[in-house]
Amino acid sequence: VYQIENVIVKAANSPRPAAWVLERSVDGEEFRPWQYHAPSDEECWSRYSVPPVSKPIYISDDEVICTSMYSRQTPMENGE
């Protein structure tokens, strides 16, 4: 079992996806949602039924969060 400190996802030279799900697995076979990403805080509720958090901070290891922090489409250069 590992402790994750950072995850970096690059989308190349294209717009970032507005809504996406980061999943995790302990055994490499069964994956479960870890972070939901939505275009707005309202969509955290409507799309995933999860309360939005402004900055991804975890209280427990099994917590699943939703944020709109990384879903804005800009910048469209350098894939960050």
PDB file of N, CA and C in Angstrom:
ATOM      1  N   VAL A   1       0.850  -1.174   0.000  1.00  0.00           N
ATOM      2  CA  VAL A   1       0.000   0.000   0.000  1.00  0.00           C
ATOM      3  C   VAL A   1       0.893   1.234   0.000  1.00  0.00           C
ATOM      4  N   TYR A   2       0.538   2.204  -0.821  1.00  0.00           N
ATOM      5  CA  TYR A   2       1.322   3.418  -0.960  1.00  0.00           C
ATOM      6  C   TYR A   2       0.513   4.632  -0.526  1.00  0.00           C
ATOM      7  N   GLN A   3       1.217   5.676  -0.132  1.00  0.00           N
ATOM      8  CA  GLN A   3       0.585   6.957   0.168  1.00  0.00           C
ATOM      9  C   GLN A   3       0.826   7.879  -1.019  1.00  0.00           C
ATOM     10  N   ILE A   4      -0.246   8.399  -1.590  1.00  0.00           N
ATOM     11  CA  ILE A   4      -0.150   9.291  -2.746  1.00  0.00           C
ATOM     12  C   ILE A   4      -0.033  10.725  -2.253  1.00  0.00           C
ATOM     13  N   GLU A   5       0.969  11.434  -2.761  1.00  0.00           N
ATOM     14  CA  GLU A   5       1.132  12.829  -2.393  1.00  0.00           C
ATOM     15  C   GLU A   5       0.663  13.757  -3.502  1.00  0.00           C
ATOM     16  N   ASN A   6       0.997  13.446  -4.739  1.00  0.00           N
ATOM     17  CA  ASN A   6       0.613  14.269  -5.884  1.00  0.00           C
ATOM     18  C   ASN A   6       0.247  13.383  -7.064  1.00  0.00           C
ATOM     19  N   VAL A   7      -0.722  13.841  -7.836  1.00  0.00           N
ATOM     20  CA  VAL A   7      -1.072  13.203  -9.098  1.00  0.00           C
ATOM     21  C   VAL A   7      -1.117  14.313 -10.134  1.00  0.00           C
ATOM     22  N   ILE A   8      -0.361  14.160 -11.206  1.00  0.00           N
ATOM     23  CA  ILE A   8      -0.354  15.157 -12.276  1.00  0.00           C
ATOM     24  C   ILE A   8      -0.915  14.501 -13.530  1.00  0.00           C
ATOM     25  N   VAL A   9      -1.943  15.121 -14.097  1.00  0.00           N
ATOM     26  CA  VAL A   9      -2.555  14.632 -15.327  1.00  0.00           C
ATOM     27  C   VAL A   9      -2.365  15.706 -16.387  1.00  0.00           C
ATOM     28  N   LYS A  10      -1.747  15.353 -17.498  1.00  0.00           N
ATOM     29  CA  LYS A  10      -1.546  16.312 -18.583  1.00  0.00           C
ATOM     30  C   LYS A  10      -2.454  15.954 -19.742  1.00  0.00           C
ATOM     31  N   ALA A  11      -3.080  16.972 -20.326  1.00  0.00           N
ATOM     32  CA  ALA A  11      -4.036  16.766 -21.415  1.00  0.00           C
ATOM     33  C   ALA A  11      -3.463  17.199 -22.760  1.00  0.00           C
ATOM     34  N   ALA A  12      -2.149  17.283 -22.877  1.00  0.00           N
ATOM     35  CA  ALA A  12      -1.473  17.709 -24.101  1.00  0.00           C
ATOM     36  C   ALA A  12      -1.953  19.099 -24.509  1.00  0.00           C
ATOM     37  N   ASN A  13      -1.917  19.402 -25.789  1.00  0.00           N
ATOM     38  CA  ASN A  13      -2.339  20.727 -26.258  1.00  0.00           C
ATOM     39  C   ASN A  13      -3.799  20.693 -26.670  1.00  0.00           C
ATOM     40  N   SER A  14      -4.652  20.500 -25.697  1.00  0.00           N
ATOM     41  CA  SER A  14      -6.093  20.461 -25.935  1.00  0.00           C
ATOM     42  C   SER A  14      -6.788  20.972 -24.680  1.00  0.00           C
ATOM     43  N   PRO A  15      -8.054  21.306 -24.782  1.00  0.00           N
ATOM     44  CA  PRO A  15      -8.767  21.764 -23.584  1.00  0.00           C
ATOM     45  C   PRO A  15      -8.807  20.667 -22.522  1.00  0.00           C
ATOM     46  N   ARG A  16      -8.778  21.084 -21.272  1.00  0.00           N
ATOM     47  CA  ARG A  16      -8.925  20.125 -20.178  1.00  0.00           C
ATOM     48  C   ARG A  16     -10.329  19.549 -20.190  1.00  0.00           C
ATOM     49  N   PRO A  17     -10.490  18.319 -19.777  1.00  0.00           N
ATOM     50  CA  PRO A  17     -11.852  17.782 -19.661  1.00  0.00           C
ATOM     51  C   PRO A  17     -12.591  18.510 -18.546  1.00  0.00           C
ATOM     52  N   ALA A  18     -13.830  18.859 -18.777  1.00  0.00           N
ATOM     53  CA  ALA A  18     -14.609  19.592 -17.777  1.00  0.00           C
ATOM     54  C   ALA A  18     -15.057  18.681 -16.646  1.00  0.00           C
ATOM     55  N   ALA A  19     -15.439  17.466 -16.963  1.00  0.00           N
ATOM     56  CA  ALA A  19     -15.899  16.517 -15.948  1.00  0.00           C
ATOM     57  C   ALA A  19     -15.148  15.202 -16.135  1.00  0.00           C
ATOM     58  N   TRP A  20     -14.568  14.711 -15.050  1.00  0.00           N
ATOM     59  CA  TRP A  20     -13.840  13.451 -15.113  1.00  0.00           C
ATOM     60  C   TRP A  20     -13.724  12.853 -13.728  1.00  0.00           C
ATOM     61  N   VAL A  21     -13.342  11.572 -13.685  1.00  0.00           N
ATOM     62  CA  VAL A  21     -13.253  10.840 -12.426  1.00  0.00           C
ATOM     63  C   VAL A  21     -11.864  10.219 -12.316  1.00  0.00           C
ATOM     64  N   LEU A  22     -11.210  10.434 -11.189  1.00  0.00           N
ATOM     65  CA  LEU A  22      -9.948   9.777 -10.872  1.00  0.00           C
ATOM     66  C   LEU A  22     -10.280   8.593  -9.972  1.00  0.00           C
ATOM     67  N   GLU A  23      -9.893   7.404 -10.404  1.00  0.00           N
ATOM     68  CA  GLU A  23     -10.209   6.195  -9.640  1.00  0.00           C
ATOM     69  C   GLU A  23      -8.939   5.598  -9.054  1.00  0.00           C
ATOM     70  N   ARG A  24      -9.106   4.782  -8.023  1.00  0.00           N
ATOM     71  CA  ARG A  24      -7.966   4.104  -7.408  1.00  0.00           C
ATOM     72  C   ARG A  24      -8.299   2.639  -7.174  1.00  0.00           C
ATOM     73  N   SER A  25      -7.227   1.850  -7.032  1.00  0.00           N
ATOM     74  CA  SER A  25      -7.390   0.418  -6.806  1.00  0.00           C
ATOM     75  C   SER A  25      -6.277  -0.068  -5.890  1.00  0.00           C
ATOM     76  N   VAL A  26      -6.598  -0.994  -5.031  1.00  0.00           N
ATOM     77  CA  VAL A  26      -5.594  -1.613  -4.171  1.00  0.00           C
ATOM     78  C   VAL A  26      -5.032  -2.862  -4.842  1.00  0.00           C
ATOM     79  N   ASP A  27      -5.881  -3.576  -5.595  1.00  0.00           N
ATOM     80  CA  ASP A  27      -5.462  -4.837  -6.198  1.00  0.00           C
ATOM     81  C   ASP A  27      -5.222  -4.761  -7.712  1.00  0.00           C
ATOM     82  N   GLY A  28      -5.492  -3.608  -8.340  1.00  0.00           N
ATOM     83  CA  GLY A  28      -5.303  -3.461  -9.777  1.00  0.00           C
ATOM     84  C   GLY A  28      -6.421  -4.047 -10.615  1.00  0.00           C
ATOM     85  N   GLU A  29      -7.455  -4.571  -9.979  1.00  0.00           N
ATOM     86  CA  GLU A  29      -8.582  -5.155 -10.703  1.00  0.00           C
ATOM     87  C   GLU A  29      -9.891  -4.432 -10.431  1.00  0.00           C
ATOM     88  N   GLU A  30     -10.128  -4.078  -9.197  1.00  0.00           N
ATOM     89  CA  GLU A  30     -11.357  -3.364  -8.839  1.00  0.00           C
ATOM     90  C   GLU A  30     -11.003  -1.904  -8.562  1.00  0.00           C
ATOM     91  N   PHE A  31     -11.599  -1.008  -9.342  1.00  0.00           N
ATOM     92  CA  PHE A  31     -11.330   0.416  -9.202  1.00  0.00           C
ATOM     93  C   PHE A  31     -12.553   1.116  -8.629  1.00  0.00           C
ATOM     94  N   ARG A  32     -12.290   2.091  -7.760  1.00  0.00           N
ATOM     95  CA  ARG A  32     -13.364   2.869  -7.140  1.00  0.00           C
ATOM     96  C   ARG A  32     -13.049   4.357  -7.277  1.00  0.00           C
ATOM     97  N   PRO A  33     -14.083   5.202  -7.359  1.00  0.00           N
ATOM     98  CA  PRO A  33     -13.839   6.642  -7.452  1.00  0.00           C
ATOM     99  C   PRO A  33     -13.036   7.151  -6.257  1.00  0.00           C
ATOM    100  N   TRP A  34     -12.132   8.062  -6.550  1.00  0.00           N
ATOM    101  CA  TRP A  34     -11.320   8.685  -5.514  1.00  0.00           C
ATOM    102  C   TRP A  34     -11.564  10.194  -5.522  1.00  0.00           C
ATOM    103  N   GLN A  35     -11.591  10.781  -6.734  1.00  0.00           N
ATOM    104  CA  GLN A  35     -11.893  12.203  -6.884  1.00  0.00           C
ATOM    105  C   GLN A  35     -12.814  12.383  -8.080  1.00  0.00           C
ATOM    106  N   TYR A  36     -13.842  13.184  -7.874  1.00  0.00           N
ATOM    107  CA  TYR A  36     -14.702  13.608  -8.974  1.00  0.00           C
ATOM    108  C   TYR A  36     -14.314  15.037  -9.325  1.00  0.00           C
ATOM    109  N   HIS A  37     -14.285  15.337 -10.605  1.00  0.00           N
ATOM    110  CA  HIS A  37     -13.980  16.687 -11.071  1.00  0.00           C
ATOM    111  C   HIS A  37     -15.148  17.160 -11.920  1.00  0.00           C
ATOM    112  N   ALA A  38     -15.669  18.323 -11.576  1.00  0.00           N
ATOM    113  CA  ALA A  38     -16.842  18.872 -12.257  1.00  0.00           C
ATOM    114  C   ALA A  38     -16.551  20.304 -12.700  1.00  0.00           C
ATOM    115  N   PRO A  39     -17.257  20.784 -13.728  1.00  0.00           N
ATOM    116  CA  PRO A  39     -17.029  22.147 -14.211  1.00  0.00           C
ATOM    117  C   PRO A  39     -17.459  23.225 -13.221  1.00  0.00           C
ATOM    118  N   SER A  40     -18.338  22.883 -12.278  1.00  0.00           N
ATOM    119  CA  SER A  40     -18.787  23.851 -11.270  1.00  0.00           C
ATOM    120  C   SER A  40     -19.139  23.104  -9.990  1.00  0.00           C
ATOM    121  N   ASP A  41     -19.197  23.839  -8.895  1.00  0.00           N
ATOM    122  CA  ASP A  41     -19.575  23.227  -7.619  1.00  0.00           C
ATOM    123  C   ASP A  41     -20.987  22.655  -7.675  1.00  0.00           C
ATOM    124  N   GLU A  42     -21.872  23.327  -8.398  1.00  0.00           N
ATOM    125  CA  GLU A  42     -23.245  22.836  -8.522  1.00  0.00           C
ATOM    126  C   GLU A  42     -23.282  21.465  -9.201  1.00  0.00           C
ATOM    127  N   GLU A  43     -22.375  21.264 -10.161  1.00  0.00           N
ATOM    128  CA  GLU A  43     -22.357  19.980 -10.867  1.00  0.00           C
ATOM    129  C   GLU A  43     -21.775  18.848 -10.030  1.00  0.00           C
ATOM    130  N   CYS A  44     -21.035  19.165  -8.972  1.00  0.00           N
ATOM    131  CA  CYS A  44     -20.612  18.105  -8.041  1.00  0.00           C
ATOM    132  C   CYS A  44     -21.854  17.430  -7.471  1.00  0.00           C
ATOM    133  N   TRP A  45     -22.850  18.240  -7.123  1.00  0.00           N
ATOM    134  CA  TRP A  45     -24.109  17.698  -6.598  1.00  0.00           C
ATOM    135  C   TRP A  45     -24.913  17.010  -7.689  1.00  0.00           C
ATOM    136  N   SER A  46     -25.138  17.714  -8.803  1.00  0.00           N
ATOM    137  CA  SER A  46     -26.057  17.184  -9.815  1.00  0.00           C
ATOM    138  C   SER A  46     -25.486  15.989 -10.586  1.00  0.00           C
ATOM    139  N   ARG A  47     -24.193  15.985 -10.846  1.00  0.00           N
ATOM    140  CA  ARG A  47     -23.578  14.926 -11.649  1.00  0.00           C
ATOM    141  C   ARG A  47     -23.151  13.722 -10.803  1.00  0.00           C
ATOM    142  N   TYR A  48     -22.590  13.996  -9.603  1.00  0.00           N
ATOM    143  CA  TYR A  48     -22.003  12.919  -8.797  1.00  0.00           C
ATOM    144  C   TYR A  48     -22.663  12.716  -7.432  1.00  0.00           C
ATOM    145  N   SER A  49     -23.567  13.610  -7.033  1.00  0.00           N
ATOM    146  CA  SER A  49     -24.224  13.556  -5.712  1.00  0.00           C
ATOM    147  C   SER A  49     -23.208  13.606  -4.573  1.00  0.00           C
ATOM    148  N   VAL A  50     -22.187  14.431  -4.747  1.00  0.00           N
ATOM    149  CA  VAL A  50     -21.130  14.593  -3.751  1.00  0.00           C
ATOM    150  C   VAL A  50     -20.994  16.083  -3.450  1.00  0.00           C
ATOM    151  N   PRO A  51     -20.848  16.468  -2.179  1.00  0.00           N
ATOM    152  CA  PRO A  51     -20.675  17.887  -1.862  1.00  0.00           C
ATOM    153  C   PRO A  51     -19.330  18.406  -2.397  1.00  0.00           C
ATOM    154  N   PRO A  52     -19.303  19.619  -2.928  1.00  0.00           N
ATOM    155  CA  PRO A  52     -18.059  20.159  -3.477  1.00  0.00           C
ATOM    156  C   PRO A  52     -17.100  20.616  -2.381  1.00  0.00           C
ATOM    157  N   VAL A  53     -15.807  20.516  -2.664  1.00  0.00           N
ATOM    158  CA  VAL A  53     -14.772  21.089  -1.804  1.00  0.00           C
ATOM    159  C   VAL A  53     -13.930  22.007  -2.673  1.00  0.00           C
ATOM    160  N   SER A  54     -13.509  23.132  -2.113  1.00  0.00           N
ATOM    161  CA  SER A  54     -12.748  24.083  -2.923  1.00  0.00           C
ATOM    162  C   SER A  54     -11.331  23.585  -3.188  1.00  0.00           C
ATOM    163  N   LYS A  55     -10.641  23.115  -2.152  1.00  0.00           N
ATOM    164  CA  LYS A  55      -9.289  22.577  -2.306  1.00  0.00           C
ATOM    165  C   LYS A  55      -9.304  21.119  -1.865  1.00  0.00           C
ATOM    166  N   PRO A  56      -8.773  20.217  -2.684  1.00  0.00           N
ATOM    167  CA  PRO A  56      -8.810  18.792  -2.330  1.00  0.00           C
ATOM    168  C   PRO A  56      -8.000  18.480  -1.073  1.00  0.00           C
ATOM    169  N   ILE A  57      -8.695  18.321   0.038  1.00  0.00           N
ATOM    170  CA  ILE A  57      -8.095  17.929   1.310  1.00  0.00           C
ATOM    171  C   ILE A  57      -8.897  16.748   1.836  1.00  0.00           C
ATOM    172  N   TYR A  58      -8.189  15.713   2.227  1.00  0.00           N
ATOM    173  CA  TYR A  58      -8.854  14.501   2.703  1.00  0.00           C
ATOM    174  C   TYR A  58      -8.831  14.432   4.222  1.00  0.00           C
ATOM    175  N   ILE A  59      -9.960  14.007   4.798  1.00  0.00           N
ATOM    176  CA  ILE A  59     -10.057  13.809   6.238  1.00  0.00           C
ATOM    177  C   ILE A  59      -9.776  12.346   6.575  1.00  0.00           C
ATOM    178  N   SER A  60     -10.192  11.436   5.696  1.00  0.00           N
ATOM    179  CA  SER A  60      -9.953  10.008   5.915  1.00  0.00           C
ATOM    180  C   SER A  60      -9.494   9.352   4.613  1.00  0.00           C
ATOM    181  N   ASP A  61      -8.887   8.174   4.728  1.00  0.00           N
ATOM    182  CA  ASP A  61      -8.347   7.473   3.561  1.00  0.00           C
ATOM    183  C   ASP A  61      -9.410   7.011   2.579  1.00  0.00           C
ATOM    184  N   ASP A  62     -10.617   6.770   3.060  1.00  0.00           N
ATOM    185  CA  ASP A  62     -11.670   6.254   2.180  1.00  0.00           C
ATOM    186  C   ASP A  62     -12.631   7.339   1.700  1.00  0.00           C
ATOM    187  N   GLU A  63     -12.304   8.588   1.951  1.00  0.00           N
ATOM    188  CA  GLU A  63     -13.158   9.705   1.541  1.00  0.00           C
ATOM    189  C   GLU A  63     -13.090   9.914   0.025  1.00  0.00           C
ATOM    190  N   VAL A  64     -14.227  10.217  -0.575  1.00  0.00           N
ATOM    191  CA  VAL A  64     -14.318  10.541  -2.002  1.00  0.00           C
ATOM    192  C   VAL A  64     -14.772  11.991  -2.092  1.00  0.00           C
ATOM    193  N   ILE A  65     -14.018  12.820  -2.823  1.00  0.00           N
ATOM    194  CA  ILE A  65     -14.333  14.243  -2.903  1.00  0.00           C
ATOM    195  C   ILE A  65     -14.694  14.643  -4.329  1.00  0.00           C
ATOM    196  N   CYS A  66     -15.284  15.836  -4.443  1.00  0.00           N
ATOM    197  CA  CYS A  66     -15.568  16.441  -5.742  1.00  0.00           C
ATOM    198  C   CYS A  66     -15.076  17.882  -5.705  1.00  0.00           C
ATOM    199  N   THR A  67     -14.381  18.289  -6.745  1.00  0.00           N
ATOM    200  CA  THR A  67     -13.876  19.649  -6.822  1.00  0.00           C
ATOM    201  C   THR A  67     -14.001  20.179  -8.249  1.00  0.00           C
ATOM    202  N   SER A  68     -14.109  21.487  -8.371  1.00  0.00           N
ATOM    203  CA  SER A  68     -14.084  22.124  -9.690  1.00  0.00           C
ATOM    204  C   SER A  68     -12.760  22.855  -9.892  1.00  0.00           C
ATOM    205  N   MET A  69     -11.840  22.686  -8.959  1.00  0.00           N
ATOM    206  CA  MET A  69     -10.574  23.415  -8.964  1.00  0.00           C
ATOM    207  C   MET A  69      -9.735  23.166 -10.222  1.00  0.00           C
ATOM    208  N   TYR A  70      -9.732  21.955 -10.750  1.00  0.00           N
ATOM    209  CA  TYR A  70      -8.879  21.621 -11.894  1.00  0.00           C
ATOM    210  C   TYR A  70      -9.662  21.423 -13.184  1.00  0.00           C
ATOM    211  N   SER A  71     -10.890  21.871 -13.229  1.00  0.00           N
ATOM    212  CA  SER A  71     -11.727  21.615 -14.399  1.00  0.00           C
ATOM    213  C   SER A  71     -11.884  22.806 -15.328  1.00  0.00           C
ATOM    214  N   ARG A  72     -11.263  23.915 -15.015  1.00  0.00           N
ATOM    215  CA  ARG A  72     -11.364  25.043 -15.946  1.00  0.00           C
ATOM    216  C   ARG A  72     -10.592  24.705 -17.210  1.00  0.00           C
ATOM    217  N   GLN A  73     -11.054  25.186 -18.333  1.00  0.00           N
ATOM    218  CA  GLN A  73     -10.475  24.772 -19.613  1.00  0.00           C
ATOM    219  C   GLN A  73      -9.157  25.455 -19.939  1.00  0.00           C
ATOM    220  N   THR A  74      -8.873  26.601 -19.371  1.00  0.00           N
ATOM    221  CA  THR A  74      -7.598  27.261 -19.653  1.00  0.00           C
ATOM    222  C   THR A  74      -6.577  26.822 -18.624  1.00  0.00           C
ATOM    223  N   PRO A  75      -5.301  26.775 -18.884  1.00  0.00           N
ATOM    224  CA  PRO A  75      -4.686  27.113 -20.153  1.00  0.00           C
ATOM    225  C   PRO A  75      -4.801  25.971 -21.149  1.00  0.00           C
ATOM    226  N   MET A  76      -4.806  26.330 -22.433  1.00  0.00           N
ATOM    227  CA  MET A  76      -4.895  25.313 -23.482  1.00  0.00           C
ATOM    228  C   MET A  76      -3.522  25.026 -24.078  1.00  0.00           C
ATOM    229  N   GLU A  77      -2.457  25.553 -23.462  1.00  0.00           N
ATOM    230  CA  GLU A  77      -1.102  25.316 -23.957  1.00  0.00           C
ATOM    231  C   GLU A  77      -0.293  24.548 -22.926  1.00  0.00           C
ATOM    232  N   ASN A  78       0.627  23.769 -23.376  1.00  0.00           N
ATOM    233  CA  ASN A  78       1.561  23.003 -22.554  1.00  0.00           C
ATOM    234  C   ASN A  78       0.895  21.931 -21.714  1.00  0.00           C
ATOM    235  N   GLY A  79      -0.365  21.672 -21.899  1.00  0.00           N
ATOM    236  CA  GLY A  79      -1.040  20.558 -21.273  1.00  0.00           C
ATOM    237  C   GLY A  79      -1.096  20.566 -19.766  1.00  0.00           C
ATOM    238  N   GLU A  80      -1.101  21.720 -19.133  1.00  0.00           N
ATOM    239  CA  GLU A  80      -1.149  21.763 -17.668  1.00  0.00           C
ATOM    240  C   GLU A  80      -2.449  22.323 -17.167  1.00  0.00           C
TER     241      GLU A  80
END
